Amino acid sequence: MSLAEKKCIPCEAGVMPMFRPQAEELVKDIPGWELSADGKSIARRFTFKNFAEALAFVNRIGAIAEQEGHHPDISLSWGEVSVSLSTHAIGGLSENDFILAAKISA
């Protein structure tokens, strides 16, 4: 099953964050996303023709995030949206971050 076909599952404090080697493998399945230097988050920048298109994209991300129950950090500016994912409850990455990234990319 591809990442985009999976569903985010609730993640609670006390669960170990993903180890860097596993994150390095999973990030290969989500082109355009980059693993942070500390291995605790993934991020991607999207570009658009104007502010309205960027804002519409942010709203689509919001709908996906609500549906999945997993929420990214989003920065919106004219013609650009930056998205960062990390599972805050565990202080690092979980499979949910990669699932949501795949759904955002799709």
PDB file of N, CA and C in Angstrom:
ATOM      1  N   MET A   1       0.856  -1.175   0.000  1.00  0.00           N
ATOM      2  CA  MET A   1       0.000   0.000   0.000  1.00  0.00           C
ATOM      3  C   MET A   1       0.905   1.243   0.000  1.00  0.00           C
ATOM      4  N   SER A   2       0.589   2.204  -0.857  1.00  0.00           N
ATOM      5  CA  SER A   2       1.389   3.424  -0.912  1.00  0.00           C
ATOM      6  C   SER A   2       1.094   4.313   0.289  1.00  0.00           C
ATOM      7  N   LEU A   3       2.008   5.241   0.555  1.00  0.00           N
ATOM      8  CA  LEU A   3       1.797   6.174   1.671  1.00  0.00           C
ATOM      9  C   LEU A   3       0.494   6.946   1.513  1.00  0.00           C
ATOM     10  N   ALA A   4       0.186   7.390   0.304  1.00  0.00           N
ATOM     11  CA  ALA A   4      -1.023   8.183   0.065  1.00  0.00           C
ATOM     12  C   ALA A   4      -2.300   7.384   0.315  1.00  0.00           C
ATOM     13  N   GLU A   5      -2.214   6.059   0.269  1.00  0.00           N
ATOM     14  CA  GLU A   5      -3.384   5.211   0.502  1.00  0.00           C
ATOM     15  C   GLU A   5      -3.597   4.889   1.981  1.00  0.00           C
ATOM     16  N   LYS A   6      -2.588   5.150   2.789  1.00  0.00           N
ATOM     17  CA  LYS A   6      -2.688   4.858   4.217  1.00  0.00           C
ATOM     18  C   LYS A   6      -3.443   5.961   4.946  1.00  0.00           C
ATOM     19  N   LYS A   7      -3.811   5.684   6.180  1.00  0.00           N
ATOM     20  CA  LYS A   7      -4.528   6.633   7.031  1.00  0.00           C
ATOM     21  C   LYS A   7      -3.672   6.932   8.255  1.00  0.00           C
ATOM     22  N   CYS A   8      -3.600   8.184   8.636  1.00  0.00           N
ATOM     23  CA  CYS A   8      -2.874   8.556   9.851  1.00  0.00           C
ATOM     24  C   CYS A   8      -3.559   7.935  11.065  1.00  0.00           C
ATOM     25  N   ILE A   9      -2.741   7.486  12.000  1.00  0.00           N
ATOM     26  CA  ILE A   9      -3.281   6.935  13.239  1.00  0.00           C
ATOM     27  C   ILE A   9      -2.820   7.813  14.398  1.00  0.00           C
ATOM     28  N   PRO A  10      -3.623   7.948  15.436  1.00  0.00           N
ATOM     29  CA  PRO A  10      -3.234   8.795  16.567  1.00  0.00           C
ATOM     30  C   PRO A  10      -1.902   8.348  17.167  1.00  0.00           C
ATOM     31  N   CYS A  11      -1.083   9.325  17.492  1.00  0.00           N
ATOM     32  CA  CYS A  11       0.234   9.067  18.054  1.00  0.00           C
ATOM     33  C   CYS A  11       0.332   9.821  19.372  1.00  0.00           C
ATOM     34  N   GLU A  12       0.746   9.142  20.421  1.00  0.00           N
ATOM     35  CA  GLU A  12       0.794   9.758  21.744  1.00  0.00           C
ATOM     36  C   GLU A  12       2.226   9.860  22.248  1.00  0.00           C
ATOM     37  N   ALA A  13       2.415  10.744  23.192  1.00  0.00           N
ATOM     38  CA  ALA A  13       3.715  10.879  23.838  1.00  0.00           C
ATOM     39  C   ALA A  13       4.133   9.532  24.404  1.00  0.00           C
ATOM     40  N   GLY A  14       5.416   9.288  24.430  1.00  0.00           N
ATOM     41  CA  GLY A  14       5.918   8.008  24.918  1.00  0.00           C
ATOM     42  C   GLY A  14       6.316   7.075  23.792  1.00  0.00           C
ATOM     43  N   VAL A  15       5.791   7.324  22.588  1.00  0.00           N
ATOM     44  CA  VAL A  15       6.165   6.542  21.418  1.00  0.00           C
ATOM     45  C   VAL A  15       7.494   7.085  20.905  1.00  0.00           C
ATOM     46  N   MET A  16       8.379   6.209  20.502  1.00  0.00           N
ATOM     47  CA  MET A  16       9.682   6.642  19.990  1.00  0.00           C
ATOM     48  C   MET A  16       9.540   7.258  18.595  1.00  0.00           C
ATOM     49  N   PRO A  17      10.222   8.378  18.360  1.00  0.00           N
ATOM     50  CA  PRO A  17      10.224   8.919  17.010  1.00  0.00           C
ATOM     51  C   PRO A  17      11.004   7.993  16.071  1.00  0.00           C
ATOM     52  N   MET A  18      10.750   8.149  14.796  1.00  0.00           N
ATOM     53  CA  MET A  18      11.393   7.347  13.773  1.00  0.00           C
ATOM     54  C   MET A  18      12.909   7.607  13.766  1.00  0.00           C
ATOM     55  N   PHE A  19      13.678   6.554  13.572  1.00  0.00           N
ATOM     56  CA  PHE A  19      15.124   6.701  13.448  1.00  0.00           C
ATOM     57  C   PHE A  19      15.467   7.225  12.052  1.00  0.00           C
ATOM     58  N   ARG A  20      16.550   7.976  11.953  1.00  0.00           N
ATOM     59  CA  ARG A  20      16.948   8.630  10.711  1.00  0.00           C
ATOM     60  C   ARG A  20      17.029   7.668   9.511  1.00  0.00           C
ATOM     61  N   PRO A  21      17.626   6.470   9.632  1.00  0.00           N
ATOM     62  CA  PRO A  21      17.696   5.588   8.458  1.00  0.00           C
ATOM     63  C   PRO A  21      16.325   5.253   7.866  1.00  0.00           C
ATOM     64  N   GLN A  22      15.332   5.053   8.730  1.00  0.00           N
ATOM     65  CA  GLN A  22      13.981   4.767   8.241  1.00  0.00           C
ATOM     66  C   GLN A  22      13.399   5.998   7.564  1.00  0.00           C
ATOM     67  N   ALA A  23      13.623   7.179   8.131  1.00  0.00           N
ATOM     68  CA  ALA A  23      13.135   8.427   7.534  1.00  0.00           C
ATOM     69  C   ALA A  23      13.797   8.663   6.175  1.00  0.00           C
ATOM     70  N   GLU A  24      15.084   8.348   6.074  1.00  0.00           N
ATOM     71  CA  GLU A  24      15.791   8.511   4.798  1.00  0.00           C
ATOM     72  C   GLU A  24      15.204   7.622   3.717  1.00  0.00           C
ATOM     73  N   GLU A  25      14.749   6.445   4.090  1.00  0.00           N
ATOM     74  CA  GLU A  25      14.106   5.551   3.120  1.00  0.00           C
ATOM     75  C   GLU A  25      12.724   6.067   2.714  1.00  0.00           C
ATOM     76  N   LEU A  26      11.920   6.473   3.700  1.00  0.00           N
ATOM     77  CA  LEU A  26      10.560   6.922   3.405  1.00  0.00           C
ATOM     78  C   LEU A  26      10.525   8.223   2.612  1.00  0.00           C
ATOM     79  N   VAL A  27      11.485   9.109   2.833  1.00  0.00           N
ATOM     80  CA  VAL A  27      11.473  10.390   2.122  1.00  0.00           C
ATOM     81  C   VAL A  27      11.689  10.171   0.616  1.00  0.00           C
ATOM     82  N   LYS A  28      12.271   9.044   0.252  1.00  0.00           N
ATOM     83  CA  LYS A  28      12.443   8.706  -1.168  1.00  0.00           C
ATOM     84  C   LYS A  28      11.100   8.500  -1.861  1.00  0.00           C
ATOM     85  N   ASP A  29      10.072   8.157  -1.083  1.00  0.00           N
ATOM     86  CA  ASP A  29       8.736   7.888  -1.639  1.00  0.00           C
ATOM     87  C   ASP A  29       7.890   9.154  -1.799  1.00  0.00           C
ATOM     88  N   ILE A  30       8.432  10.305  -1.371  1.00  0.00           N
ATOM     89  CA  ILE A  30       7.685  11.568  -1.470  1.00  0.00           C
ATOM     90  C   ILE A  30       8.577  12.624  -2.144  1.00  0.00           C
ATOM     91  N   PRO A  31       8.681  12.551  -3.474  1.00  0.00           N
ATOM     92  CA  PRO A  31       9.561  13.463  -4.206  1.00  0.00           C
ATOM     93  C   PRO A  31       9.285  14.931  -3.875  1.00  0.00           C
ATOM     94  N   GLY A  32      10.370  15.687  -3.742  1.00  0.00           N
ATOM     95  CA  GLY A  32      10.262  17.107  -3.455  1.00  0.00           C
ATOM     96  C   GLY A  32      10.353  17.440  -1.978  1.00  0.00           C
ATOM     97  N   TRP A  33      10.141  16.466  -1.124  1.00  0.00           N
ATOM     98  CA  TRP A  33      10.225  16.667   0.322  1.00  0.00           C
ATOM     99  C   TRP A  33      11.653  16.417   0.767  1.00  0.00           C
ATOM    100  N   GLU A  34      12.088  17.170   1.779  1.00  0.00           N
ATOM    101  CA  GLU A  34      13.449  17.038   2.283  1.00  0.00           C
ATOM    102  C   GLU A  34      13.442  16.753   3.781  1.00  0.00           C
ATOM    103  N   LEU A  35      14.344  15.901   4.170  1.00  0.00           N
ATOM    104  CA  LEU A  35      14.532  15.575   5.580  1.00  0.00           C
ATOM    105  C   LEU A  35      15.422  16.639   6.201  1.00  0.00           C
ATOM    106  N   SER A  36      15.041  17.147   7.366  1.00  0.00           N
ATOM    107  CA  SER A  36      15.835  18.177   8.039  1.00  0.00           C
ATOM    108  C   SER A  36      17.187  17.613   8.475  1.00  0.00           C
ATOM    109  N   ALA A  37      18.132  18.502   8.729  1.00  0.00           N
ATOM    110  CA  ALA A  37      19.477  18.100   9.140  1.00  0.00           C
ATOM    111  C   ALA A  37      19.456  17.271  10.418  1.00  0.00           C
ATOM    112  N   ASP A  38      18.536  17.602  11.332  1.00  0.00           N
ATOM    113  CA  ASP A  38      18.465  16.843  12.590  1.00  0.00           C
ATOM    114  C   ASP A  38      17.595  15.589  12.487  1.00  0.00           C
ATOM    115  N   GLY A  39      16.974  15.378  11.319  1.00  0.00           N
ATOM    116  CA  GLY A  39      16.157  14.184  11.099  1.00  0.00           C
ATOM    117  C   GLY A  39      14.842  14.172  11.837  1.00  0.00           C
ATOM    118  N   LYS A  40      14.403  15.340  12.339  1.00  0.00           N
ATOM    119  CA  LYS A  40      13.177  15.395  13.138  1.00  0.00           C
ATOM    120  C   LYS A  40      11.974  15.958  12.389  1.00  0.00           C
ATOM    121  N   SER A  41      12.154  16.373  11.142  1.00  0.00           N
ATOM    122  CA  SER A  41      11.033  16.904  10.362  1.00  0.00           C
ATOM    123  C   SER A  41      11.317  16.749   8.871  1.00  0.00           C
ATOM    124  N   ILE A  42      10.256  16.881   8.091  1.00  0.00           N
ATOM    125  CA  ILE A  42      10.370  16.930   6.636  1.00  0.00           C
ATOM    126  C   ILE A  42       9.685  18.200   6.170  1.00  0.00           C
ATOM    127  N   ALA A  43      10.128  18.728   5.043  1.00  0.00           N
ATOM    128  CA  ALA A  43       9.568  19.987   4.558  1.00  0.00           C
ATOM    129  C   ALA A  43       9.595  20.037   3.041  1.00  0.00           C
ATOM    130  N   ARG A  44       8.716  20.879   2.511  1.00  0.00           N
ATOM    131  CA  ARG A  44       8.660  21.115   1.071  1.00  0.00           C
ATOM    132  C   ARG A  44       8.115  22.506   0.816  1.00  0.00           C
ATOM    133  N   ARG A  45       8.629  23.138  -0.225  1.00  0.00           N
ATOM    134  CA  ARG A  45       8.147  24.446  -0.659  1.00  0.00           C
ATOM    135  C   ARG A  45       7.420  24.266  -1.983  1.00  0.00           C
ATOM    136  N   PHE A  46       6.224  24.846  -2.082  1.00  0.00           N
ATOM    137  CA  PHE A  46       5.411  24.800  -3.290  1.00  0.00           C
ATOM    138  C   PHE A  46       5.306  26.217  -3.842  1.00  0.00           C
ATOM    139  N   THR A  47       5.355  26.372  -5.164  1.00  0.00           N
ATOM    140  CA  THR A  47       5.228  27.702  -5.758  1.00  0.00           C
ATOM    141  C   THR A  47       3.972  27.773  -6.621  1.00  0.00           C
ATOM    142  N   PHE A  48       3.405  28.981  -6.687  1.00  0.00           N
ATOM    143  CA  PHE A  48       2.160  29.233  -7.403  1.00  0.00           C
ATOM    144  C   PHE A  48       2.260  30.541  -8.181  1.00  0.00           C
ATOM    145  N   LYS A  49       1.319  30.762  -9.077  1.00  0.00           N
ATOM    146  CA  LYS A  49       1.322  31.967  -9.916  1.00  0.00           C
ATOM    147  C   LYS A  49       0.984  33.230  -9.142  1.00  0.00           C
ATOM    148  N   ASN A  50       0.230  33.067  -8.040  1.00  0.00           N
ATOM    149  CA  ASN A  50      -0.211  34.260  -7.303  1.00  0.00           C
ATOM    150  C   ASN A  50      -0.630  33.875  -5.886  1.00  0.00           C
ATOM    151  N   PHE A  51      -1.032  34.868  -5.131  1.00  0.00           N
ATOM    152  CA  PHE A  51      -1.439  34.656  -3.744  1.00  0.00           C
ATOM    153  C   PHE A  51      -2.700  33.803  -3.654  1.00  0.00           C
ATOM    154  N   ALA A  52      -3.669  34.061  -4.548  1.00  0.00           N
ATOM    155  CA  ALA A  52      -4.944  33.332  -4.485  1.00  0.00           C
ATOM    156  C   ALA A  52      -4.743  31.830  -4.664  1.00  0.00           C
ATOM    157  N   GLU A  53      -3.889  31.438  -5.598  1.00  0.00           N
ATOM    158  CA  GLU A  53      -3.625  30.010  -5.807  1.00  0.00           C
ATOM    159  C   GLU A  53      -2.927  29.407  -4.588  1.00  0.00           C
ATOM    160  N   ALA A  54      -1.998  30.147  -4.019  1.00  0.00           N
ATOM    161  CA  ALA A  54      -1.292  29.661  -2.828  1.00  0.00           C
ATOM    162  C   ALA A  54      -2.267  29.487  -1.661  1.00  0.00           C
ATOM    163  N   LEU A  55      -3.150  30.456  -1.478  1.00  0.00           N
ATOM    164  CA  LEU A  55      -4.137  30.390  -0.403  1.00  0.00           C
ATOM    165  C   LEU A  55      -5.097  29.220  -0.609  1.00  0.00           C
ATOM    166  N   ALA A  56      -5.516  29.000  -1.833  1.00  0.00           N
ATOM    167  CA  ALA A  56      -6.413  27.872  -2.122  1.00  0.00           C
ATOM    168  C   ALA A  56      -5.727  26.545  -1.783  1.00  0.00           C
ATOM    169  N   PHE A  57      -4.435  26.462  -2.080  1.00  0.00           N
ATOM    170  CA  PHE A  57      -3.670  25.259  -1.760  1.00  0.00           C
ATOM    171  C   PHE A  57      -3.605  25.046  -0.247  1.00  0.00           C
ATOM    172  N   VAL A  58      -3.365  26.113   0.494  1.00  0.00           N
ATOM    173  CA  VAL A  58      -3.340  26.028   1.962  1.00  0.00           C
ATOM    174  C   VAL A  58      -4.681  25.505   2.476  1.00  0.00           C
ATOM    175  N   ASN A  59      -5.768  25.988   1.911  1.00  0.00           N
ATOM    176  CA  ASN A  59      -7.089  25.517   2.343  1.00  0.00           C
ATOM    177  C   ASN A  59      -7.291  24.036   2.028  1.00  0.00           C
ATOM    178  N   ARG A  60      -6.763  23.565   0.888  1.00  0.00           N
ATOM    179  CA  ARG A  60      -6.855  22.134   0.566  1.00  0.00           C
ATOM    180  C   ARG A  60      -6.018  21.317   1.551  1.00  0.00           C
ATOM    181  N   ILE A  61      -4.834  21.830   1.896  1.00  0.00           N
ATOM    182  CA  ILE A  61      -4.009  21.140   2.899  1.00  0.00           C
ATOM    183  C   ILE A  61      -4.766  21.058   4.221  1.00  0.00           C
ATOM    184  N   GLY A  62      -5.416  22.153   4.607  1.00  0.00           N
ATOM    185  CA  GLY A  62      -6.185  22.166   5.852  1.00  0.00           C
ATOM    186  C   GLY A  62      -7.263  21.106   5.889  1.00  0.00           C
ATOM    187  N   ALA A  63      -7.947  20.937   4.762  1.00  0.00           N
ATOM    188  CA  ALA A  63      -9.004  19.926   4.693  1.00  0.00           C
ATOM    189  C   ALA A  63      -8.425  18.522   4.838  1.00  0.00           C
ATOM    190  N   ILE A  64      -7.300  18.254   4.180  1.00  0.00           N
ATOM    191  CA  ILE A  64      -6.648  16.950   4.287  1.00  0.00           C
ATOM    192  C   ILE A  64      -6.177  16.715   5.721  1.00  0.00           C
ATOM    193  N   ALA A  65      -5.571  17.730   6.324  1.00  0.00           N
ATOM    194  CA  ALA A  65      -5.061  17.611   7.688  1.00  0.00           C
ATOM    195  C   ALA A  65      -6.184  17.304   8.674  1.00  0.00           C
ATOM    196  N   GLU A  66      -7.304  17.979   8.522  1.00  0.00           N
ATOM    197  CA  GLU A  66      -8.449  17.712   9.403  1.00  0.00           C
ATOM    198  C   GLU A  66      -8.963  16.298   9.215  1.00  0.00           C
ATOM    199  N   GLN A  67      -9.028  15.857   7.967  1.00  0.00           N
ATOM    200  CA  GLN A  67      -9.507  14.506   7.671  1.00  0.00           C
ATOM    201  C   GLN A  67      -8.580  13.457   8.283  1.00  0.00           C
ATOM    202  N   GLU A  68      -7.281  13.721   8.260  1.00  0.00           N
ATOM    203  CA  GLU A  68      -6.297  12.770   8.776  1.00  0.00           C
ATOM    204  C   GLU A  68      -6.045  12.925  10.273  1.00  0.00           C
ATOM    205  N   GLY A  69      -6.439  14.053  10.856  1.00  0.00           N
ATOM    206  CA  GLY A  69      -6.181  14.293  12.270  1.00  0.00           C
ATOM    207  C   GLY A  69      -4.705  14.522  12.559  1.00  0.00           C
ATOM    208  N   HIS A  70      -3.986  15.028  11.575  1.00  0.00           N
ATOM    209  CA  HIS A  70      -2.542  15.284  11.700  1.00  0.00           C
ATOM    210  C   HIS A  70      -2.267  16.608  10.995  1.00  0.00           C
ATOM    211  N   HIS A  71      -1.616  17.545  11.670  1.00  0.00           N
ATOM    212  CA  HIS A  71      -1.576  18.918  11.178  1.00  0.00           C
ATOM    213  C   HIS A  71      -0.157  19.429  10.963  1.00  0.00           C
ATOM    214  N   PRO A  72       0.108  19.987   9.776  1.00  0.00           N
ATOM    215  CA  PRO A  72       1.437  20.504   9.465  1.00  0.00           C
ATOM    216  C   PRO A  72       1.619  21.943   9.948  1.00  0.00           C
ATOM    217  N   ASP A  73       2.848  22.400   9.930  1.00  0.00           N
ATOM    218  CA  ASP A  73       3.144  23.822  10.082  1.00  0.00           C
ATOM    219  C   ASP A  73       3.191  24.378   8.666  1.00  0.00           C
ATOM    220  N   ILE A  74       2.459  25.467   8.437  1.00  0.00           N
ATOM    221  CA  ILE A  74       2.327  26.035   7.097  1.00  0.00           C
ATOM    222  C   ILE A  74       2.709  27.506   7.126  1.00  0.00           C
ATOM    223  N   SER A  75       3.482  27.919   6.115  1.00  0.00           N
ATOM    224  CA  SER A  75       3.816  29.324   5.923  1.00  0.00           C
ATOM    225  C   SER A  75       3.319  29.730   4.536  1.00  0.00           C
ATOM    226  N   LEU A  76       2.510  30.791   4.496  1.00  0.00           N
ATOM    227  CA  LEU A  76       1.916  31.276   3.253  1.00  0.00           C
ATOM    228  C   LEU A  76       2.467  32.659   2.929  1.00  0.00           C
ATOM    229  N   SER A  77       2.925  32.830   1.696  1.00  0.00           N
ATOM    230  CA  SER A  77       3.317  34.151   1.212  1.00  0.00           C
ATOM    231  C   SER A  77       2.905  34.244  -0.251  1.00  0.00           C
ATOM    232  N   TRP A  78       3.117  35.385  -0.860  1.00  0.00           N
ATOM    233  CA  TRP A  78       2.689  35.586  -2.242  1.00  0.00           C
ATOM    234  C   TRP A  78       3.326  34.529  -3.136  1.00  0.00           C
ATOM    235  N   GLY A  79       2.496  33.664  -3.712  1.00  0.00           N
ATOM    236  CA  GLY A  79       2.955  32.661  -4.657  1.00  0.00           C
ATOM    237  C   GLY A  79       3.773  31.527  -4.074  1.00  0.00           C
ATOM    238  N   GLU A  80       3.756  31.378  -2.765  1.00  0.00           N
ATOM    239  CA  GLU A  80       4.586  30.340  -2.152  1.00  0.00           C
ATOM    240  C   GLU A  80       3.942  29.803  -0.874  1.00  0.00           C
ATOM    241  N   VAL A  81       4.042  28.493  -0.722  1.00  0.00           N
ATOM    242  CA  VAL A  81       3.588  27.828   0.500  1.00  0.00           C
ATOM    243  C   VAL A  81       4.700  26.887   0.951  1.00  0.00           C
ATOM    244  N   SER A  82       5.115  27.030   2.199  1.00  0.00           N
ATOM    245  CA  SER A  82       6.092  26.119   2.786  1.00  0.00           C
ATOM    246  C   SER A  82       5.380  25.258   3.817  1.00  0.00           C
ATOM    247  N   VAL A  83       5.622  23.967   3.752  1.00  0.00           N
ATOM    248  CA  VAL A  83       4.972  23.013   4.648  1.00  0.00           C
ATOM    249  C   VAL A  83       6.051  22.225   5.384  1.00  0.00           C
ATOM    250  N   SER A  84       5.894  22.118   6.699  1.00  0.00           N
ATOM    251  CA  SER A  84       6.809  21.339   7.519  1.00  0.00           C
ATOM    252  C   SER A  84       5.997  20.349   8.344  1.00  0.00           C
ATOM    253  N   LEU A  85       6.489  19.132   8.413  1.00  0.00           N
ATOM    254  CA  LEU A  85       5.793  18.085   9.151  1.00  0.00           C
ATOM    255  C   LEU A  85       6.706  17.444  10.186  1.00  0.00           C
ATOM    256  N   SER A  86       6.163  17.267  11.365  1.00  0.00           N
ATOM    257  CA  SER A  86       6.819  16.587  12.465  1.00  0.00           C
ATOM    258  C   SER A  86       5.716  16.195  13.445  1.00  0.00           C
ATOM    259  N   THR A  87       5.899  15.106  14.124  1.00  0.00           N
ATOM    260  CA  THR A  87       4.904  14.692  15.105  1.00  0.00           C
ATOM    261  C   THR A  87       5.323  15.280  16.448  1.00  0.00           C
ATOM    262  N   HIS A  88       4.712  16.402  16.798  1.00  0.00           N
ATOM    263  CA  HIS A  88       5.109  17.163  17.976  1.00  0.00           C
ATOM    264  C   HIS A  88       5.005  16.355  19.264  1.00  0.00           C
ATOM    265  N   ALA A  89       4.015  15.474  19.352  1.00  0.00           N
ATOM    266  CA  ALA A  89       3.800  14.695  20.580  1.00  0.00           C
ATOM    267  C   ALA A  89       4.986  13.793  20.918  1.00  0.00           C
ATOM    268  N   ILE A  90       5.764  13.400  19.887  1.00  0.00           N
ATOM    269  CA  ILE A  90       6.893  12.512  20.138  1.00  0.00           C
ATOM    270  C   ILE A  90       8.239  13.193  19.860  1.00  0.00           C
ATOM    271  N   GLY A  91       8.204  14.442  19.427  1.00  0.00           N
ATOM    272  CA  GLY A  91       9.434  15.188  19.210  1.00  0.00           C
ATOM    273  C   GLY A  91      10.246  14.737  18.016  1.00  0.00           C
ATOM    274  N   GLY A  92       9.572  14.244  17.006  1.00  0.00           N
ATOM    275  CA  GLY A  92      10.274  13.779  15.808  1.00  0.00           C
ATOM    276  C   GLY A  92       9.293  13.278  14.773  1.00  0.00           C
ATOM    277  N   LEU A  93       9.773  12.435  13.902  1.00  0.00           N
ATOM    278  CA  LEU A  93       8.949  11.936  12.802  1.00  0.00           C
ATOM    279  C   LEU A  93       8.248  10.623  13.139  1.00  0.00           C
ATOM    280  N   SER A  94       7.034  10.489  12.603  1.00  0.00           N
ATOM    281  CA  SER A  94       6.299   9.233  12.636  1.00  0.00           C
ATOM    282  C   SER A  94       5.834   8.957  11.206  1.00  0.00           C
ATOM    283  N   GLU A  95       5.320   7.766  10.974  1.00  0.00           N
ATOM    284  CA  GLU A  95       4.823   7.450   9.637  1.00  0.00           C
ATOM    285  C   GLU A  95       3.726   8.429   9.228  1.00  0.00           C
ATOM    286  N   ASN A  96       2.973   8.969  10.193  1.00  0.00           N
ATOM    287  CA  ASN A  96       1.916   9.928   9.875  1.00  0.00           C
ATOM    288  C   ASN A  96       2.439  11.117   9.068  1.00  0.00           C
ATOM    289  N   ASP A  97       3.648  11.570   9.379  1.00  0.00           N
ATOM    290  CA  ASP A  97       4.213  12.713   8.664  1.00  0.00           C
ATOM    291  C   ASP A  97       4.402  12.387   7.186  1.00  0.00           C
ATOM    292  N   PHE A  98       4.835  11.190   6.892  1.00  0.00           N
ATOM    293  CA  PHE A  98       5.068  10.791   5.517  1.00  0.00           C
ATOM    294  C   PHE A  98       3.748  10.513   4.790  1.00  0.00           C
ATOM    295  N   ILE A  99       2.780   9.977   5.503  1.00  0.00           N
ATOM    296  CA  ILE A  99       1.446   9.769   4.929  1.00  0.00           C
ATOM    297  C   ILE A  99       0.835  11.112   4.539  1.00  0.00           C
ATOM    298  N   LEU A 100       0.879  12.081   5.457  1.00  0.00           N
ATOM    299  CA  LEU A 100       0.300  13.387   5.159  1.00  0.00           C
ATOM    300  C   LEU A 100       1.068  14.074   4.035  1.00  0.00           C
ATOM    301  N   ALA A 101       2.380  13.967   4.016  1.00  0.00           N
ATOM    302  CA  ALA A 101       3.177  14.549   2.934  1.00  0.00           C
ATOM    303  C   ALA A 101       2.767  13.973   1.588  1.00  0.00           C
ATOM    304  N   ALA A 102       2.574  12.679   1.520  1.00  0.00           N
ATOM    305  CA  ALA A 102       2.158  12.030   0.266  1.00  0.00           C
ATOM    306  C   ALA A 102       0.780  12.514  -0.174  1.00  0.00           C
ATOM    307  N   LYS A 103      -0.126  12.673   0.771  1.00  0.00           N
ATOM    308  CA  LYS A 103      -1.472  13.155   0.440  1.00  0.00           C
ATOM    309  C   LYS A 103      -1.435  14.622  -0.002  1.00  0.00           C
ATOM    310  N   ILE A 104      -0.583  15.439   0.622  1.00  0.00           N
ATOM    311  CA  ILE A 104      -0.451  16.838   0.217  1.00  0.00           C
ATOM    312  C   ILE A 104       0.116  16.903  -1.192  1.00  0.00           C
ATOM    313  N   SER A 105       1.119  16.098  -1.487  1.00  0.00           N
ATOM    314  CA  SER A 105       1.726  16.087  -2.815  1.00  0.00           C
ATOM    315  C   SER A 105       0.754  15.644  -3.897  1.00  0.00           C
ATOM    316  N   ALA A 106      -0.127  14.715  -3.525  1.00  0.00           N
ATOM    317  CA  ALA A 106      -1.089  14.190  -4.504  1.00  0.00           C
ATOM    318  C   ALA A 106      -2.129  15.253  -4.827  1.00  0.00           C
TER     319      ALA A 106
END
